[in-house]
C-alpha atoms as a PDB file:
ATOM      1  CA  ARG A   1      -0.353  -0.055   0.012  1.00  0.00           C
ATOM      2  CA  LEU A   2       1.511   3.441  -1.207  1.00  0.00           C
ATOM      3  CA  LYS A   3       0.120   6.850  -0.220  1.00  0.00           C
ATOM      4  CA  ALA A   4       1.522   9.913  -1.476  1.00  0.00           C
ATOM      5  CA  ILE A   5       0.484  13.616  -0.674  1.00  0.00           C
ATOM      6  CA  TRP A   6       1.954  16.263  -2.814  1.00  0.00           C
ATOM      7  CA  ASP A   7       1.851  20.267  -1.129  1.00  0.00           C
ATOM      8  CA  ASN A   8       2.490  22.032  -4.499  1.00  0.00           C
ATOM      9  CA  GLN A   9       2.546  25.340  -2.063  1.00  0.00           C
ATOM     10  CA  LEU A  10       5.261  24.145   0.445  1.00  0.00           C
ATOM     11  CA  SER A  11       6.598  21.505  -1.929  1.00  0.00           C
ATOM     12  CA  ILE A  12       6.748  19.011   0.340  1.00  0.00           C
ATOM     13  CA  LEU A  13       6.044  15.264  -0.513  1.00  0.00           C
ATOM     14  CA  ASP A  14       4.329  13.502   2.387  1.00  0.00           C
ATOM     15  CA  LEU A  15       5.176   9.543   2.301  1.00  0.00           C
ATOM     16  CA  TYR A  16       3.452   6.769   3.610  1.00  0.00           C
ATOM     17  CA  ALA A  17       3.881   3.032   2.410  1.00  0.00           C
ATOM     18  CA  GLU A  18       3.689  -0.286   3.827  1.00  0.00           C
ATOM     19  CA  SER A  19       4.345  -4.210   2.687  1.00  0.00           C
ATOM     20  CA  GLN A  20       2.809  -7.259   4.105  1.00  0.00           C
ATOM     21  CA  LEU A  21       3.674 -10.777   3.723  1.00  0.00           C
ATOM     22  CA  VAL A  22       1.678 -13.633   5.372  1.00  0.00           C
ATOM     23  CA  ASN A  23      -0.146 -11.319   7.533  1.00  0.00           C
ATOM     24  CA  THR A  24       2.600  -9.387   8.643  1.00  0.00           C
ATOM     25  CA  LYS A  25       3.596  -6.114   7.995  1.00  0.00           C
ATOM     26  CA  ASN A  26       7.006  -6.104   7.562  1.00  0.00           C
ATOM     27  CA  MET A  27       7.814  -2.912   6.380  1.00  0.00           C
ATOM     28  CA  ILE A  28       6.230   0.425   7.200  1.00  0.00           C
ATOM     29  CA  LEU A  29       7.495   3.980   5.913  1.00  0.00           C
ATOM     30  CA  ALA A  30       6.658   6.970   6.896  1.00  0.00           C
ATOM     31  CA  GLY A  31       7.586  10.976   6.343  1.00  0.00           C
ATOM     32  CA  LYS A  32       8.281  13.836   4.343  1.00  0.00           C
ATOM     33  CA  TYR A  33      10.561  15.034   1.694  1.00  0.00           C
ATOM     34  CA  ASP A  34      10.769  18.784   1.727  1.00  0.00           C
ATOM     35  CA  VAL A  35      11.898  19.633  -2.038  1.00  0.00           C
ATOM     36  CA  ALA A  36      12.392  23.343  -2.030  1.00  0.00           C
ATOM     37  CA  ASN A  37      15.213  22.767   1.211  1.00  0.00           C
ATOM     38  CA  ASP A  38      15.814  19.618  -0.028  1.00  0.00           C
ATOM     39  CA  LYS A  39      15.040  17.365   3.526  1.00  0.00           C
ATOM     40  CA  LEU A  40      14.523  14.413   4.159  1.00  0.00           C
ATOM     41  CA  ASN A  41      12.441  12.905   7.301  1.00  0.00           C
ATOM     42  CA  PHE A  42      11.623   9.396   7.247  1.00  0.00           C
ATOM     43  CA  ASN A  43      11.203   6.577   9.430  1.00  0.00           C
ATOM     44  CA  VAL A  44      11.186   2.864   8.789  1.00  0.00           C
ATOM     45  CA  GLU A  45       9.764   0.041  10.695  1.00  0.00           C
ATOM     46  CA  VAL A  46      10.792  -3.125   9.792  1.00  0.00           C
ATOM     47  CA  ASN A  47       9.208  -6.513  11.157  1.00  0.00           C
ATOM     48  CA  ARG A  48      10.391  -9.772  10.579  1.00  0.00           C
ATOM     49  CA  PHE A  49      11.295  -8.380   6.434  1.00  0.00           C
ATOM     50  CA  PRO A  50      13.415 -11.124   4.864  1.00  0.00           C
ATOM     51  CA  PHE A  51      16.883 -10.602   4.778  1.00  0.00           C
ATOM     52  CA  ALA A  52      16.945 -12.223   1.119  1.00  0.00           C
ATOM     53  CA  MET A  53      15.154  -8.811  -0.359  1.00  0.00           C
ATOM     54  CA  VAL A  54      19.435  -8.136  -0.639  1.00  0.00           C
ATOM     55  CA  THR A  55      20.032 -10.817  -2.702  1.00  0.00           C
ATOM     56  CA  PRO A  56      19.835  -8.478  -6.129  1.00  0.00           C
ATOM     57  CA  PHE A  57      22.266  -6.203  -4.906  1.00  0.00           C
ATOM     58  CA  VAL A  58      25.013  -8.943  -3.427  1.00  0.00           C
ATOM     59  CA  ASN A  59      24.379 -11.775  -5.604  1.00  0.00           C
ATOM     60  CA  GLU A  60      27.741 -11.526  -6.950  1.00  0.00           C
ATOM     61  CA  TYR A  61      29.695 -12.007  -3.640  1.00  0.00           C
ATOM     62  CA  ILE A  62      26.701 -13.611  -1.467  1.00  0.00           C
ATOM     63  CA  SER A  63      23.705 -16.401  -2.195  1.00  0.00           C
ATOM     64  CA  ASP A  64      21.380 -18.592  -0.306  1.00  0.00           C
ATOM     65  CA  ILE A  65      20.182 -15.547   1.792  1.00  0.00           C
ATOM     66  CA  ASP A  66      17.864 -16.582   4.663  1.00  0.00           C
ATOM     67  CA  GLY A  67      16.419 -15.052   7.961  1.00  0.00           C
ATOM     68  CA  LYS A  68      14.414 -12.308   9.164  1.00  0.00           C
ATOM     69  CA  ILE A  69      15.137  -8.550  10.149  1.00  0.00           C
ATOM     70  CA  SER A  70      13.406  -6.153  12.466  1.00  0.00           C
ATOM     71  CA  GLY A  71      14.174  -2.968  13.620  1.00  0.00           C
ATOM     72  CA  ASN A  72      14.196   0.579  12.887  1.00  0.00           C
ATOM     73  CA  ILE A  73      15.605   3.057  10.301  1.00  0.00           C
ATOM     74  CA  GLN A  74      15.686   6.821  10.670  1.00  0.00           C
ATOM     75  CA  ILE A  75      16.612   8.772   7.404  1.00  0.00           C
ATOM     76  CA  LYS A  76      17.264  12.252   7.913  1.00  0.00           C
ATOM     77  CA  GLY A  77      19.650  15.149   6.216  1.00  0.00           C
ATOM     78  CA  THR A  78      19.449  15.736   2.397  1.00  0.00           C
ATOM     79  CA  SER A  79      19.209  13.606  -1.036  1.00  0.00           C
ATOM     80  CA  LYS A  80      22.906  14.167  -1.526  1.00  0.00           C
ATOM     81  CA  GLU A  81      23.798  13.514   2.180  1.00  0.00           C
ATOM     82  CA  PRO A  82      21.697  11.514   4.051  1.00  0.00           C
ATOM     83  CA  ASN A  83      21.706  10.984   7.476  1.00  0.00           C
ATOM     84  CA  LEU A  84      20.930   7.256   8.469  1.00  0.00           C
ATOM     85  CA  GLN A  85      20.513   5.859  11.854  1.00  0.00           C
ATOM     86  CA  ALA A  86      19.370   2.465  12.578  1.00  0.00           C
ATOM     87  CA  LYS A  87      19.696  -0.492  15.163  1.00  0.00           C
ATOM     88  CA  LEU A  88      18.162  -3.918  12.996  1.00  0.00           C
ATOM     89  CA  LYS A  89      18.027  -7.486  14.453  1.00  0.00           C
ATOM     90  CA  PHE A  90      19.018 -10.412  12.277  1.00  0.00           C
ATOM     91  CA  ILE A  91      17.021 -12.978  13.135  1.00  0.00           C
ATOM     92  CA  ARG A  92      18.482 -16.729  12.271  1.00  0.00           C
ATOM     93  CA  ALA A  93      20.072 -14.904   9.398  1.00  0.00           C
ATOM     94  CA  GLY A  94      22.530 -17.135   7.072  1.00  0.00           C
ATOM     95  CA  PHE A  95      24.364 -16.658   3.720  1.00  0.00           C
ATOM     96  CA  LYS A  96      26.602 -18.704   1.551  1.00  0.00           C
ATOM     97  CA  VAL A  97      30.368 -16.378   0.372  1.00  0.00           C
ATOM     98  CA  ASN A  98      30.224 -17.575  -2.957  1.00  0.00           C
ATOM     99  CA  TYR A  99      34.006 -17.557  -3.411  1.00  0.00           C
ATOM    100  CA  LEU A 100      34.221 -19.594  -0.379  1.00  0.00           C
ATOM    101  CA  GLN A 101      31.657 -21.958  -0.695  1.00  0.00           C
ATOM    102  CA  THR A 102      30.726 -21.632   3.008  1.00  0.00           C
ATOM    103  CA  PHE A 103      27.645 -21.120   4.968  1.00  0.00           C
ATOM    104  CA  TYR A 104      27.769 -18.653   7.723  1.00  0.00           C
ATOM    105  CA  SER A 105      24.326 -18.146  10.308  1.00  0.00           C
ATOM    106  CA  PHE A 106      23.942 -15.638  12.950  1.00  0.00           C
ATOM    107  CA  THR A 107      21.346 -14.168  14.670  1.00  0.00           C
ATOM    108  CA  ASP A 108      22.509 -10.566  16.332  1.00  0.00           C
ATOM    109  CA  SER A 109      22.332  -6.514  15.788  1.00  0.00           C
ATOM    110  CA  LEU A 110      23.627  -4.132  13.304  1.00  0.00           C
ATOM    111  CA  PHE A 111      24.164  -0.473  13.822  1.00  0.00           C
ATOM    112  CA  ILE A 112      23.889   2.132  11.721  1.00  0.00           C
ATOM    113  CA  GLU A 113      25.522   5.845  12.962  1.00  0.00           C
ATOM    114  CA  ASN A 114      25.646   8.316  10.694  1.00  0.00           C
ATOM    115  CA  ASN A 115      28.597   7.124   7.854  1.00  0.00           C
ATOM    116  CA  SER A 116      29.320   4.247  10.272  1.00  0.00           C
ATOM    117  CA  ILE A 117      28.139   0.630  10.605  1.00  0.00           C
ATOM    118  CA  ARG A 118      28.918  -0.868  13.949  1.00  0.00           C
ATOM    119  CA  ILE A 119      28.864  -4.554  14.666  1.00  0.00           C
ATOM    120  CA  ASP A 120      29.203  -5.600  18.097  1.00  0.00           C
ATOM    121  CA  LYS A 121      30.506  -9.153  19.097  1.00  0.00           C
ATOM    122  CA  LEU A 122      28.807 -10.899  16.393  1.00  0.00           C
ATOM    123  CA  GLN A 123      28.884 -14.581  16.802  1.00  0.00           C
ATOM    124  CA  LEU A 124      29.281 -16.126  13.035  1.00  0.00           C
ATOM    125  CA  ASN A 125      28.570 -19.666  12.993  1.00  0.00           C
ATOM    126  CA  ALA A 126      29.998 -21.974  10.203  1.00  0.00           C
ATOM    127  CA  GLY A 127      28.773 -25.799  11.672  1.00  0.00           C
ATOM    128  CA  ARG A 128      28.850 -27.453  14.437  1.00  0.00           C
ATOM    129  CA  ASN A 129      31.776 -26.193  17.085  1.00  0.00           C
ATOM    130  CA  SER A 130      32.790 -23.976  14.387  1.00  0.00           C
ATOM    131  CA  PHE A 131      32.443 -20.214  14.936  1.00  0.00           C
ATOM    132  CA  ALA A 132      33.990 -16.523  15.343  1.00  0.00           C
ATOM    133  CA  TRP A 133      33.204 -13.555  16.942  1.00  0.00           C
ATOM    134  CA  LEU A 134      33.007 -10.480  14.568  1.00  0.00           C
ATOM    135  CA  ASN A 135      33.713  -6.916  15.871  1.00  0.00           C
ATOM    136  CA  GLY A 136      34.323  -3.651  14.871  1.00  0.00           C
ATOM    137  CA  LYS A 137      33.208  -0.559  12.610  1.00  0.00           C
ATOM    138  CA  ILE A 138      33.160   0.159   8.970  1.00  0.00           C
ATOM    139  CA  THR A 139      33.215   3.745   8.508  1.00  0.00           C
ATOM    140  CA  HIS A 140      32.917   5.950   4.996  1.00  0.00           C
ATOM    141  CA  LYS A 141      31.578   9.645   3.609  1.00  0.00           C
ATOM    142  CA  ASN A 142      28.261   8.515   1.661  1.00  0.00           C
ATOM    143  CA  PHE A 143      29.402   5.305   0.986  1.00  0.00           C
ATOM    144  CA  GLU A 144      32.860   6.826  -0.349  1.00  0.00           C
ATOM    145  CA  GLU A 145      36.040   6.510   1.372  1.00  0.00           C
ATOM    146  CA  ILE A 146      35.586   3.591   3.136  1.00  0.00           C
ATOM    147  CA  LYS A 147      37.411   2.398   6.116  1.00  0.00           C
ATOM    148  CA  LEU A 148      37.285  -0.950   7.948  1.00  0.00           C
ATOM    149  CA  ASP A 149      37.953  -1.595  11.765  1.00  0.00           C
ATOM    150  CA  ILE A 150      36.943  -5.190  12.320  1.00  0.00           C
ATOM    151  CA  SER A 151      38.596  -7.806  14.215  1.00  0.00           C
ATOM    152  CA  LEU A 152      37.748 -12.260  13.464  1.00  0.00           C
ATOM    153  CA  ASP A 153      38.666 -13.856  16.631  1.00  0.00           C
ATOM    154  CA  ALA A 154      38.000 -17.274  14.835  1.00  0.00           C
ATOM    155  CA  HIS A 155      37.530 -20.770  16.669  1.00  0.00           C
ATOM    156  CA  ASN A 156      38.031 -24.113  14.830  1.00  0.00           C
ATOM    157  CA  PHE A 157      36.295 -21.926  12.247  1.00  0.00           C
ATOM    158  CA  LEU A 158      35.374 -22.720   8.283  1.00  0.00           C
ATOM    159  CA  PHE A 159      36.806 -20.463   6.355  1.00  0.00           C
ATOM    160  CA  LEU A 160      37.096 -22.492   3.230  1.00  0.00           C
ATOM    161  CA  LYS A 161      35.063 -25.613   1.574  1.00  0.00           C
ATOM    162  CA  THR A 162      35.734 -25.458  -2.548  1.00  0.00           C
ATOM    163  CA  GLU A 163      36.005 -28.316  -4.203  1.00  0.00           C
ATOM    164  CA  GLN A 164      38.265 -28.872  -7.565  1.00  0.00           C
ATOM    165  CA  THR A 165      34.836 -27.716  -9.928  1.00  0.00           C
ATOM    166  CA  ASP A 166      34.855 -24.413  -7.653  1.00  0.00           C
ATOM    167  CA  SER A 167      38.215 -23.278  -8.861  1.00  0.00           C
ATOM    168  CA  SER A 168      41.179 -25.107 -10.467  1.00  0.00           C
ATOM    169  CA  TYR A 169      43.840 -23.084  -8.458  1.00  0.00           C
ATOM    170  CA  PHE A 170      43.089 -23.490  -4.893  1.00  0.00           C
ATOM    171  CA  TYR A 171      40.165 -25.748  -3.490  1.00  0.00           C
ATOM    172  CA  GLY A 172      39.858 -27.753  -0.217  1.00  0.00           C
ATOM    173  CA  THR A 173      38.613 -27.609   3.557  1.00  0.00           C
ATOM    174  CA  VAL A 174      39.952 -25.218   5.806  1.00  0.00           C
ATOM    175  CA  TYR A 175      39.324 -24.809   9.399  1.00  0.00           C
ATOM    176  CA  ALA A 176      41.575 -22.042  11.653  1.00  0.00           C
ATOM    177  CA  SER A 177      41.854 -20.564  14.978  1.00  0.00           C
ATOM    178  CA  GLY A 178      43.185 -17.249  15.827  1.00  0.00           C
ATOM    179  CA  GLY A 179      42.572 -13.781  15.157  1.00  0.00           C
ATOM    180  CA  ILE A 180      42.369 -11.107  12.115  1.00  0.00           C
ATOM    181  CA  ASN A 181      42.296  -7.616  12.501  1.00  0.00           C
ATOM    182  CA  LEU A 182      41.523  -5.662   9.254  1.00  0.00           C
END
């Protein structure tokens, strides 16, 4: 459902949109865009929104995306420099890293704070007794000039599970323990 109201005098677009899957309102977007002053003011509520909806944007790198996302996203600022604030909870989420042929699952939160994406001790599972703790921040300037400050603390973690048919240069199964800092 989509409702849009245009105020011609003030040049303001008032939007309300919602999506519903299986009797659950999965996403509600409400807010205004002041066109004359280029000001955004939107709130997006997601409730058990399918994580797989990101597939078209990342399918070159990851696949078999599963799970749900719940949380709140605030979009303010301008169309050229939006300010995003969000707390998103991933529920029974998972994905396969295509290059490595490994499937990882997790249930945890991700925080977006104007020009940064923060992960606080997310447990990434790669099978029975194979996991890693992911911690850190990705900073950027409007998704340019990206800087990583991420650590991974692996415990018998499955890093690689490829066959000769996946790559003739390297293939096999690799488990490792230790720390990685990016």
